[in-house]
Amino acid sequence: MILTTHGPRRMAGLARCARTFLADRSGAVAIEYGILAVMIAAFLISVAALGDTVLTHLFERVASHMFGDGGGGGSS
């Protein structure tokens, strides 16, 4: 085992570097924007995948209510 006098200084430098890294908030904002972008993309992909089915069902229900095809909302 080799003992050197650089160990405590290196540990102090590492601790100082870690404190500086944790105190820096500029990267946190970029990460938050990245997470927000991923969430919006996931929402848009899910709407694109399910949108046709959901919109078709919605318009069919609205039409049935408007034109009285069993919806009970319109006059025929």
Protein backbone atom coordinates (compact mmCIF):
# COMPACT_ATOMS: atom_id res chain seq x y z
CA MET A 1 0.00 0.00 0.00
CA ILE A 2 1.45 3.33 -1.06
CA LEU A 3 0.62 6.32 1.07
CA THR A 4 0.84 9.74 -0.50
CA THR A 5 0.26 13.21 0.78
CA HIS A 6 -1.96 14.04 -2.20
CA GLY A 7 -4.95 12.03 -0.91
CA PRO A 8 -6.51 14.65 1.41
CA ARG A 9 -6.00 17.42 -1.15
CA ARG A 10 -7.57 15.34 -3.89
CA MET A 11 -10.54 14.52 -1.66
CA ALA A 12 -10.98 18.20 -0.83
CA GLY A 13 -10.81 19.07 -4.52
CA LEU A 14 -13.32 16.34 -5.35
CA ALA A 15 -15.67 17.55 -2.61
CA ARG A 16 -15.37 21.14 -3.86
CA CYS A 17 -16.09 19.98 -7.42
CA ALA A 18 -19.13 18.01 -6.25
CA ARG A 19 -20.48 21.03 -4.31
CA THR A 20 -20.01 23.25 -7.35
CA PHE A 21 -21.75 20.72 -9.59
CA LEU A 22 -24.71 20.33 -7.22
CA ALA A 23 -25.07 24.11 -6.77
CA ASP A 24 -25.12 24.75 -10.53
CA ARG A 25 -28.75 25.03 -11.63
CA SER A 26 -28.22 25.86 -15.31
CA GLY A 27 -28.29 22.20 -16.31
CA ALA A 28 -31.41 21.51 -14.25
CA VAL A 29 -33.48 23.85 -16.41
CA ALA A 30 -32.30 22.08 -19.56
CA ILE A 31 -33.23 18.72 -18.06
CA GLU A 32 -36.67 20.03 -17.09
CA TYR A 33 -37.27 21.31 -20.63
CA GLY A 34 -36.14 17.95 -21.98
CA ILE A 35 -38.58 16.08 -19.74
CA LEU A 36 -41.37 18.47 -20.78
CA ALA A 37 -40.56 17.90 -24.46
CA VAL A 38 -40.65 14.11 -23.98
CA MET A 39 -44.02 14.33 -22.22
CA ILE A 40 -45.50 16.48 -25.01
CA ALA A 41 -44.12 14.12 -27.64
CA ALA A 42 -45.60 11.10 -25.85
CA PHE A 43 -48.98 12.84 -25.65
CA LEU A 44 -48.92 13.73 -29.35
CA ILE A 45 -47.91 10.21 -30.35
CA SER A 46 -50.70 8.70 -28.25
CA VAL A 47 -53.25 11.13 -29.71
CA ALA A 48 -52.04 10.31 -33.21
CA ALA A 49 -52.29 6.57 -32.53
CA LEU A 50 -55.71 6.67 -30.82
CA GLY A 51 -57.03 9.91 -32.26
CA ASP A 52 -58.85 8.45 -35.25
CA THR A 53 -60.79 5.97 -33.14
CA VAL A 54 -61.59 8.47 -30.41
CA LEU A 55 -62.62 11.24 -32.82
CA THR A 56 -64.76 8.89 -34.89
CA HIS A 57 -66.57 7.69 -31.76
CA LEU A 58 -67.02 11.27 -30.53
CA PHE A 59 -68.45 12.51 -33.84
CA GLU A 60 -70.76 9.50 -34.08
CA ARG A 61 -72.14 10.25 -30.60
CA VAL A 62 -72.59 13.95 -31.40
CA ALA A 63 -74.36 13.10 -34.67
CA SER A 64 -76.64 10.60 -32.95
CA HIS A 65 -77.60 13.22 -30.35
CA MET A 66 -78.16 15.91 -32.98
CA PHE A 67 -80.19 13.85 -35.40
CA GLY A 68 -82.09 11.71 -32.90
CA ASP A 69 -80.65 8.31 -33.84
CA GLY A 70 -81.09 6.95 -30.35
CA GLY A 71 -79.32 9.76 -28.53
CA GLY A 72 -82.45 11.47 -27.30
CA GLY A 73 -81.01 14.94 -27.77
CA GLY A 74 -82.44 16.01 -31.11
CA SER A 75 -85.77 16.27 -32.86
CA SER A 76 -86.51 14.12 -35.88
